[in-house]
Amino acid sequence: MSHAQPTNSDYAALLLRVSLGVMFIAHSLILKWMTFTLAGTAQYFESLGLPGFLAYATFWAELIGGILLVLGVQSRWVALGLLPVLFGAAWVHIGNGWVFSAQGGGWEYPVYLIILSLAQALLGDGAYALKPSRSLSLSPAPALKAAA
């Protein structure tokens, strides 16, 4: 956060960051660890043709990433770093249709989380971040601006 006094945008990014982080924490702890167990999640990954160790990597990525988001530690990069997990989840659920409550879950929730993660990366850390990230510069390079 670069402002002395937080703005509405800073608070909006904070709200997005914390809610996204809590979702990742809950998804790792409640779904993968407590509900399906890590061994069960690894079996599920293997049933999809993925290596079982990816279940453990996914669990830790979601848990650590969620904690970092809640705390506001390099939130832009954490949100971008979690995209492969979300793209994998969308891939797993793509054949089940739209509604996540459908048999096997739908693809809309992972895609929605992809969009939220991209928004977090663009907005930045928001208010009260412990270790804010550097800005993402999506504007054209100076040489391109001069040519335009």
N, C-alpha and C. Protein backbone atom coordinates (compact mmCIF):
# COMPACT_ATOMS: atom_id res chain seq x y z
N MET A 1 0.85 -1.17 0.00
CA MET A 1 0.00 0.00 0.00
C MET A 1 0.89 1.22 0.00
N SER A 2 0.66 2.13 -0.91
CA SER A 2 1.54 3.27 -1.04
C SER A 2 0.91 4.55 -0.49
N HIS A 3 -0.29 4.51 -0.01
CA HIS A 3 -0.97 5.69 0.50
C HIS A 3 -0.78 5.79 2.01
N ALA A 4 -0.69 7.04 2.50
CA ALA A 4 -0.61 7.24 3.94
C ALA A 4 -1.95 6.87 4.57
N GLN A 5 -3.03 7.22 3.91
CA GLN A 5 -4.38 6.92 4.38
C GLN A 5 -5.01 5.93 3.40
N PRO A 6 -5.47 4.76 3.88
CA PRO A 6 -6.07 3.79 2.96
C PRO A 6 -7.29 4.35 2.23
N THR A 7 -7.42 3.98 0.97
CA THR A 7 -8.56 4.41 0.15
C THR A 7 -9.59 3.28 0.09
N ASN A 8 -10.72 3.57 -0.52
CA ASN A 8 -11.74 2.54 -0.72
C ASN A 8 -11.17 1.37 -1.52
N SER A 9 -10.32 1.66 -2.50
CA SER A 9 -9.70 0.60 -3.29
C SER A 9 -8.78 -0.26 -2.44
N ASP A 10 -8.08 0.36 -1.51
CA ASP A 10 -7.22 -0.40 -0.60
C ASP A 10 -8.04 -1.35 0.26
N TYR A 11 -9.18 -0.88 0.74
CA TYR A 11 -10.05 -1.73 1.55
C TYR A 11 -10.70 -2.83 0.71
N ALA A 12 -11.05 -2.51 -0.54
CA ALA A 12 -11.63 -3.52 -1.43
C ALA A 12 -10.62 -4.63 -1.71
N ALA A 13 -9.37 -4.26 -1.96
CA ALA A 13 -8.33 -5.26 -2.21
C ALA A 13 -8.07 -6.08 -0.94
N LEU A 14 -8.14 -5.45 0.22
CA LEU A 14 -8.01 -6.17 1.49
C LEU A 14 -9.11 -7.20 1.64
N LEU A 15 -10.34 -6.80 1.38
CA LEU A 15 -11.49 -7.70 1.49
C LEU A 15 -11.35 -8.88 0.53
N LEU A 16 -10.95 -8.60 -0.71
CA LEU A 16 -10.74 -9.66 -1.69
C LEU A 16 -9.61 -10.58 -1.25
N ARG A 17 -8.51 -10.00 -0.80
CA ARG A 17 -7.33 -10.77 -0.40
C ARG A 17 -7.65 -11.72 0.76
N VAL A 18 -8.31 -11.21 1.78
CA VAL A 18 -8.60 -12.03 2.96
C VAL A 18 -9.63 -13.11 2.63
N SER A 19 -10.67 -12.76 1.88
CA SER A 19 -11.69 -13.77 1.56
C SER A 19 -11.13 -14.85 0.64
N LEU A 20 -10.30 -14.47 -0.31
CA LEU A 20 -9.66 -15.45 -1.19
C LEU A 20 -8.71 -16.34 -0.38
N GLY A 21 -7.97 -15.76 0.53
CA GLY A 21 -7.06 -16.53 1.38
C GLY A 21 -7.80 -17.52 2.27
N VAL A 22 -8.89 -17.08 2.87
CA VAL A 22 -9.68 -17.96 3.72
C VAL A 22 -10.25 -19.11 2.90
N MET A 23 -10.67 -18.83 1.67
CA MET A 23 -11.20 -19.88 0.81
C MET A 23 -10.12 -20.93 0.52
N PHE A 24 -8.91 -20.49 0.21
CA PHE A 24 -7.84 -21.45 -0.06
C PHE A 24 -7.50 -22.27 1.19
N ILE A 25 -7.45 -21.62 2.34
CA ILE A 25 -7.17 -22.34 3.59
C ILE A 25 -8.25 -23.39 3.85
N ALA A 26 -9.51 -22.97 3.75
CA ALA A 26 -10.62 -23.90 3.99
C ALA A 26 -10.61 -25.04 2.99
N HIS A 27 -10.32 -24.74 1.75
CA HIS A 27 -10.33 -25.77 0.71
C HIS A 27 -9.24 -26.81 0.97
N SER A 28 -8.10 -26.36 1.45
CA SER A 28 -7.03 -27.32 1.73
C SER A 28 -7.31 -28.11 3.01
N LEU A 29 -7.64 -27.41 4.09
CA LEU A 29 -7.80 -28.09 5.37
C LEU A 29 -9.10 -28.90 5.46
N ILE A 30 -10.21 -28.27 5.09
CA ILE A 30 -11.51 -28.95 5.28
C ILE A 30 -11.75 -30.00 4.19
N LEU A 31 -11.51 -29.64 2.94
CA LEU A 31 -11.82 -30.58 1.85
C LEU A 31 -10.75 -31.67 1.71
N LYS A 32 -9.50 -31.25 1.55
CA LYS A 32 -8.45 -32.22 1.23
C LYS A 32 -7.93 -32.98 2.45
N TRP A 33 -7.85 -32.32 3.60
CA TRP A 33 -7.27 -32.98 4.77
C TRP A 33 -8.33 -33.65 5.63
N MET A 34 -9.40 -32.92 5.99
CA MET A 34 -10.38 -33.45 6.92
C MET A 34 -11.46 -34.31 6.25
N THR A 35 -11.90 -33.92 5.05
CA THR A 35 -13.00 -34.65 4.41
C THR A 35 -12.50 -35.86 3.64
N PHE A 36 -11.60 -35.64 2.69
CA PHE A 36 -11.12 -36.73 1.83
C PHE A 36 -9.82 -37.35 2.30
N THR A 37 -9.12 -36.74 3.21
CA THR A 37 -7.77 -37.07 3.68
C THR A 37 -6.77 -36.88 2.54
N LEU A 38 -5.54 -36.66 2.92
CA LEU A 38 -4.51 -36.45 1.90
C LEU A 38 -4.28 -37.72 1.08
N ALA A 39 -4.33 -38.87 1.73
CA ALA A 39 -4.16 -40.12 0.99
C ALA A 39 -5.32 -40.32 0.00
N GLY A 40 -6.53 -40.01 0.43
CA GLY A 40 -7.69 -40.12 -0.45
C GLY A 40 -7.62 -39.14 -1.61
N THR A 41 -7.14 -37.94 -1.32
CA THR A 41 -6.97 -36.94 -2.37
C THR A 41 -5.91 -37.41 -3.37
N ALA A 42 -4.84 -38.00 -2.87
CA ALA A 42 -3.80 -38.54 -3.76
C ALA A 42 -4.36 -39.65 -4.63
N GLN A 43 -5.20 -40.52 -4.07
CA GLN A 43 -5.85 -41.57 -4.87
C GLN A 43 -6.72 -40.97 -5.95
N TYR A 44 -7.45 -39.91 -5.60
CA TYR A 44 -8.31 -39.24 -6.59
C TYR A 44 -7.46 -38.65 -7.72
N PHE A 45 -6.38 -38.00 -7.37
CA PHE A 45 -5.49 -37.46 -8.40
C PHE A 45 -4.99 -38.57 -9.31
N GLU A 46 -4.61 -39.70 -8.72
CA GLU A 46 -4.13 -40.83 -9.52
C GLU A 46 -5.24 -41.38 -10.42
N SER A 47 -6.49 -41.36 -9.94
CA SER A 47 -7.60 -41.84 -10.77
C SER A 47 -7.81 -40.95 -11.99
N LEU A 48 -7.32 -39.72 -11.91
CA LEU A 48 -7.40 -38.79 -13.04
C LEU A 48 -6.20 -38.91 -13.98
N GLY A 49 -5.26 -39.76 -13.59
CA GLY A 49 -4.04 -39.92 -14.38
C GLY A 49 -2.92 -38.98 -13.96
N LEU A 50 -3.10 -38.30 -12.82
CA LEU A 50 -2.08 -37.39 -12.32
C LEU A 50 -1.24 -38.11 -11.26
N PRO A 51 -0.01 -37.70 -11.08
CA PRO A 51 0.80 -38.31 -10.02
C PRO A 51 0.22 -37.98 -8.65
N GLY A 52 0.21 -38.94 -7.76
CA GLY A 52 -0.35 -38.75 -6.43
C GLY A 52 0.32 -37.65 -5.63
N PHE A 53 1.62 -37.43 -5.85
CA PHE A 53 2.32 -36.40 -5.08
C PHE A 53 1.76 -35.01 -5.36
N LEU A 54 1.10 -34.82 -6.51
CA LEU A 54 0.51 -33.52 -6.80
C LEU A 54 -0.60 -33.16 -5.82
N ALA A 55 -1.24 -34.16 -5.24
CA ALA A 55 -2.27 -33.88 -4.23
C ALA A 55 -1.65 -33.20 -3.02
N TYR A 56 -0.49 -33.70 -2.61
CA TYR A 56 0.20 -33.11 -1.47
C TYR A 56 0.71 -31.71 -1.81
N ALA A 57 1.25 -31.55 -3.00
CA ALA A 57 1.72 -30.23 -3.44
C ALA A 57 0.56 -29.24 -3.51
N THR A 58 -0.58 -29.71 -4.00
CA THR A 58 -1.77 -28.85 -4.09
C THR A 58 -2.24 -28.45 -2.69
N PHE A 59 -2.28 -29.41 -1.78
CA PHE A 59 -2.68 -29.13 -0.40
C PHE A 59 -1.80 -28.04 0.19
N TRP A 60 -0.48 -28.20 0.10
CA TRP A 60 0.43 -27.23 0.69
C TRP A 60 0.38 -25.88 -0.03
N ALA A 61 0.23 -25.90 -1.35
CA ALA A 61 0.13 -24.64 -2.10
C ALA A 61 -1.10 -23.85 -1.65
N GLU A 62 -2.24 -24.55 -1.51
CA GLU A 62 -3.46 -23.87 -1.08
C GLU A 62 -3.34 -23.37 0.36
N LEU A 63 -2.80 -24.20 1.24
CA LEU A 63 -2.70 -23.81 2.65
C LEU A 63 -1.72 -22.64 2.84
N ILE A 64 -0.52 -22.78 2.32
CA ILE A 64 0.49 -21.72 2.49
C ILE A 64 0.08 -20.47 1.71
N GLY A 65 -0.41 -20.66 0.49
CA GLY A 65 -0.86 -19.52 -0.30
C GLY A 65 -2.00 -18.77 0.38
N GLY A 66 -2.94 -19.52 0.95
CA GLY A 66 -4.06 -18.89 1.65
C GLY A 66 -3.59 -18.08 2.85
N ILE A 67 -2.66 -18.64 3.61
CA ILE A 67 -2.12 -17.92 4.78
C ILE A 67 -1.41 -16.65 4.34
N LEU A 68 -0.60 -16.75 3.28
CA LEU A 68 0.11 -15.57 2.78
C LEU A 68 -0.85 -14.50 2.29
N LEU A 69 -1.95 -14.92 1.64
CA LEU A 69 -2.94 -13.94 1.20
C LEU A 69 -3.59 -13.24 2.39
N VAL A 70 -4.01 -14.00 3.39
CA VAL A 70 -4.64 -13.40 4.56
C VAL A 70 -3.70 -12.39 5.22
N LEU A 71 -2.44 -12.74 5.33
CA LEU A 71 -1.46 -11.86 5.97
C LEU A 71 -1.04 -10.69 5.08
N GLY A 72 -1.24 -10.83 3.78
CA GLY A 72 -0.81 -9.77 2.87
C GLY A 72 0.68 -9.82 2.60
N VAL A 73 1.17 -11.00 2.31
CA VAL A 73 2.59 -11.18 1.99
C VAL A 73 2.70 -11.47 0.49
N GLN A 74 3.20 -10.48 -0.25
CA GLN A 74 3.40 -10.63 -1.70
C GLN A 74 2.13 -11.16 -2.38
N SER A 75 1.00 -10.55 -2.08
CA SER A 75 -0.31 -11.06 -2.51
C SER A 75 -0.46 -11.17 -4.03
N ARG A 76 0.07 -10.20 -4.76
CA ARG A 76 -0.04 -10.28 -6.23
C ARG A 76 0.56 -11.58 -6.74
N TRP A 77 1.76 -11.89 -6.26
CA TRP A 77 2.50 -13.04 -6.76
C TRP A 77 1.93 -14.34 -6.22
N VAL A 78 1.42 -14.32 -5.01
CA VAL A 78 0.77 -15.51 -4.45
C VAL A 78 -0.48 -15.83 -5.26
N ALA A 79 -1.29 -14.81 -5.55
CA ALA A 79 -2.51 -15.03 -6.34
C ALA A 79 -2.17 -15.60 -7.72
N LEU A 80 -1.13 -15.08 -8.34
CA LEU A 80 -0.71 -15.61 -9.64
C LEU A 80 -0.13 -17.02 -9.50
N GLY A 81 0.60 -17.26 -8.42
CA GLY A 81 1.21 -18.57 -8.18
C GLY A 81 0.19 -19.68 -7.94
N LEU A 82 -1.00 -19.31 -7.48
CA LEU A 82 -2.05 -20.30 -7.23
C LEU A 82 -2.88 -20.61 -8.48
N LEU A 83 -2.66 -19.88 -9.55
CA LEU A 83 -3.43 -20.12 -10.78
C LEU A 83 -3.29 -21.54 -11.32
N PRO A 84 -2.09 -22.16 -11.32
CA PRO A 84 -2.04 -23.54 -11.82
C PRO A 84 -2.95 -24.50 -11.04
N VAL A 85 -3.08 -24.31 -9.74
CA VAL A 85 -3.98 -25.14 -8.95
C VAL A 85 -5.42 -24.95 -9.43
N LEU A 86 -5.79 -23.69 -9.67
CA LEU A 86 -7.16 -23.39 -10.11
C LEU A 86 -7.43 -23.87 -11.53
N PHE A 87 -6.45 -23.72 -12.42
CA PHE A 87 -6.63 -24.24 -13.77
C PHE A 87 -6.76 -25.76 -13.75
N GLY A 88 -6.00 -26.41 -12.87
CA GLY A 88 -6.13 -27.86 -12.71
C GLY A 88 -7.52 -28.24 -12.22
N ALA A 89 -8.05 -27.49 -11.25
CA ALA A 89 -9.39 -27.76 -10.74
C ALA A 89 -10.44 -27.55 -11.82
N ALA A 90 -10.29 -26.51 -12.62
CA ALA A 90 -11.24 -26.27 -13.72
C ALA A 90 -11.17 -27.41 -14.72
N TRP A 91 -9.96 -27.88 -15.02
CA TRP A 91 -9.78 -29.00 -15.95
C TRP A 91 -10.48 -30.26 -15.43
N VAL A 92 -10.33 -30.52 -14.13
CA VAL A 92 -10.94 -31.71 -13.53
C VAL A 92 -12.46 -31.65 -13.64
N HIS A 93 -13.04 -30.48 -13.47
CA HIS A 93 -14.50 -30.34 -13.40
C HIS A 93 -15.16 -29.94 -14.72
N ILE A 94 -14.39 -29.71 -15.76
CA ILE A 94 -14.94 -29.19 -17.01
C ILE A 94 -16.01 -30.10 -17.61
N GLY A 95 -15.84 -31.40 -17.49
CA GLY A 95 -16.81 -32.34 -18.07
C GLY A 95 -18.09 -32.50 -17.28
N ASN A 96 -18.14 -31.89 -16.08
CA ASN A 96 -19.31 -32.06 -15.22
C ASN A 96 -20.38 -31.00 -15.46
N GLY A 97 -20.09 -30.05 -16.30
CA GLY A 97 -21.07 -29.00 -16.56
C GLY A 97 -20.86 -27.78 -15.68
N TRP A 98 -21.89 -26.95 -15.64
CA TRP A 98 -21.80 -25.62 -15.06
C TRP A 98 -21.94 -25.61 -13.54
N VAL A 99 -22.86 -26.31 -12.97
CA VAL A 99 -23.20 -26.13 -11.57
C VAL A 99 -22.27 -26.95 -10.67
N PHE A 100 -21.63 -26.30 -9.72
CA PHE A 100 -20.68 -26.96 -8.84
C PHE A 100 -21.35 -28.00 -7.94
N SER A 101 -22.66 -27.85 -7.71
CA SER A 101 -23.37 -28.83 -6.90
C SER A 101 -23.75 -30.07 -7.70
N ALA A 102 -23.45 -30.10 -8.99
CA ALA A 102 -23.71 -31.27 -9.83
C ALA A 102 -22.81 -32.42 -9.42
N GLN A 103 -23.16 -33.61 -9.84
CA GLN A 103 -22.34 -34.80 -9.57
C GLN A 103 -20.90 -34.53 -10.00
N GLY A 104 -19.96 -34.61 -9.08
CA GLY A 104 -18.55 -34.37 -9.40
C GLY A 104 -18.16 -32.91 -9.42
N GLY A 105 -19.11 -32.00 -9.22
CA GLY A 105 -18.82 -30.57 -9.21
C GLY A 105 -18.64 -29.99 -10.59
N GLY A 106 -19.05 -28.75 -10.76
CA GLY A 106 -18.95 -28.06 -12.05
C GLY A 106 -17.68 -27.23 -12.14
N TRP A 107 -17.52 -26.59 -13.28
CA TRP A 107 -16.29 -25.85 -13.55
C TRP A 107 -16.40 -24.37 -13.20
N GLU A 108 -17.60 -23.87 -12.91
CA GLU A 108 -17.75 -22.42 -12.74
C GLU A 108 -17.03 -21.88 -11.51
N TYR A 109 -16.98 -22.63 -10.43
CA TYR A 109 -16.33 -22.14 -9.21
C TYR A 109 -14.82 -21.99 -9.39
N PRO A 110 -14.12 -23.01 -9.92
CA PRO A 110 -12.69 -22.79 -10.17
C PRO A 110 -12.42 -21.64 -11.14
N VAL A 111 -13.26 -21.49 -12.16
CA VAL A 111 -13.06 -20.39 -13.12
C VAL A 111 -13.30 -19.05 -12.43
N TYR A 112 -14.31 -18.99 -11.58
CA TYR A 112 -14.57 -17.77 -10.81
C TYR A 112 -13.38 -17.43 -9.93
N LEU A 113 -12.79 -18.42 -9.30
CA LEU A 113 -11.62 -18.19 -8.45
C LEU A 113 -10.40 -17.76 -9.28
N ILE A 114 -10.31 -18.25 -10.51
CA ILE A 114 -9.25 -17.77 -11.41
C ILE A 114 -9.41 -16.27 -11.64
N ILE A 115 -10.64 -15.85 -11.92
CA ILE A 115 -10.92 -14.43 -12.16
C ILE A 115 -10.62 -13.60 -10.91
N LEU A 116 -11.03 -14.10 -9.74
CA LEU A 116 -10.75 -13.38 -8.49
C LEU A 116 -9.25 -13.27 -8.24
N SER A 117 -8.52 -14.33 -8.53
CA SER A 117 -7.06 -14.31 -8.34
C SER A 117 -6.40 -13.32 -9.28
N LEU A 118 -6.87 -13.28 -10.51
CA LEU A 118 -6.34 -12.28 -11.46
C LEU A 118 -6.66 -10.87 -11.01
N ALA A 119 -7.88 -10.65 -10.50
CA ALA A 119 -8.25 -9.33 -9.98
C ALA A 119 -7.35 -8.96 -8.80
N GLN A 120 -7.06 -9.93 -7.93
CA GLN A 120 -6.16 -9.66 -6.79
C GLN A 120 -4.78 -9.25 -7.29
N ALA A 121 -4.28 -9.96 -8.28
CA ALA A 121 -2.96 -9.63 -8.82
C ALA A 121 -2.95 -8.22 -9.42
N LEU A 122 -4.03 -7.83 -10.07
CA LEU A 122 -4.10 -6.50 -10.67
C LEU A 122 -4.30 -5.40 -9.62
N LEU A 123 -5.13 -5.67 -8.62
CA LEU A 123 -5.42 -4.67 -7.58
C LEU A 123 -4.27 -4.47 -6.62
N GLY A 124 -3.56 -5.53 -6.32
CA GLY A 124 -2.48 -5.44 -5.35
C GLY A 124 -2.93 -5.89 -3.98
N ASP A 125 -2.12 -5.58 -3.00
CA ASP A 125 -2.29 -6.12 -1.65
C ASP A 125 -3.42 -5.48 -0.86
N GLY A 126 -3.67 -4.21 -1.09
CA GLY A 126 -4.68 -3.51 -0.32
C GLY A 126 -4.15 -3.04 1.02
N ALA A 127 -5.07 -2.65 1.88
CA ALA A 127 -4.73 -2.11 3.19
C ALA A 127 -4.18 -3.21 4.10
N TYR A 128 -3.30 -2.81 4.99
CA TYR A 128 -2.81 -3.66 6.09
C TYR A 128 -2.08 -4.92 5.63
N ALA A 129 -1.35 -4.84 4.56
CA ALA A 129 -0.54 -5.96 4.10
C ALA A 129 0.78 -5.96 4.85
N LEU A 130 1.23 -7.14 5.29
CA LEU A 130 2.49 -7.23 6.03
C LEU A 130 3.70 -7.00 5.14
N LYS A 131 3.66 -7.53 3.92
CA LYS A 131 4.78 -7.37 2.99
C LYS A 131 4.21 -7.17 1.59
N PRO A 132 3.90 -5.90 1.28
CA PRO A 132 3.27 -5.62 -0.02
C PRO A 132 4.15 -6.02 -1.20
N SER A 133 3.49 -6.35 -2.30
CA SER A 133 4.18 -6.72 -3.54
C SER A 133 4.50 -5.47 -4.35
N ARG A 134 5.44 -5.63 -5.23
CA ARG A 134 5.71 -4.55 -6.19
C ARG A 134 4.56 -4.48 -7.17
N SER A 135 4.38 -3.34 -7.78
CA SER A 135 3.30 -3.15 -8.75
C SER A 135 3.53 -4.00 -9.99
N LEU A 136 2.41 -4.41 -10.58
CA LEU A 136 2.47 -5.05 -11.90
C LEU A 136 2.32 -3.94 -12.92
N SER A 137 3.22 -3.87 -13.83
CA SER A 137 3.14 -2.85 -14.87
C SER A 137 2.63 -3.51 -16.14
N LEU A 138 1.39 -3.22 -16.48
CA LEU A 138 0.81 -3.78 -17.70
C LEU A 138 0.77 -2.76 -18.82
N SER A 139 1.32 -1.58 -18.57
CA SER A 139 1.34 -0.57 -19.62
C SER A 139 2.48 -0.88 -20.59
N PRO A 140 2.35 -0.41 -21.85
CA PRO A 140 3.41 -0.69 -22.84
C PRO A 140 4.74 -0.09 -22.43
N ALA A 141 5.80 -0.69 -22.91
CA ALA A 141 7.14 -0.19 -22.65
C ALA A 141 7.28 1.23 -23.18
N PRO A 142 8.17 2.05 -22.59
CA PRO A 142 8.32 3.45 -23.02
C PRO A 142 8.55 3.58 -24.53
N ALA A 143 9.33 2.68 -25.14
CA ALA A 143 9.59 2.77 -26.58
C ALA A 143 8.31 2.59 -27.38
N LEU A 144 7.43 1.72 -26.91
CA LEU A 144 6.15 1.50 -27.59
C LEU A 144 5.23 2.70 -27.43
N LYS A 145 5.27 3.35 -26.26
CA LYS A 145 4.45 4.54 -26.04
C LYS A 145 4.87 5.66 -26.98
N ALA A 146 6.18 5.83 -27.14
CA ALA A 146 6.69 6.90 -28.01
C ALA A 146 6.30 6.65 -29.47
N ALA A 147 6.23 5.39 -29.88
CA ALA A 147 5.89 5.08 -31.25
C ALA A 147 4.41 5.28 -31.54
N ALA A 148 3.60 5.24 -30.50
CA ALA A 148 2.15 5.33 -30.69
C ALA A 148 1.66 6.71 -30.94
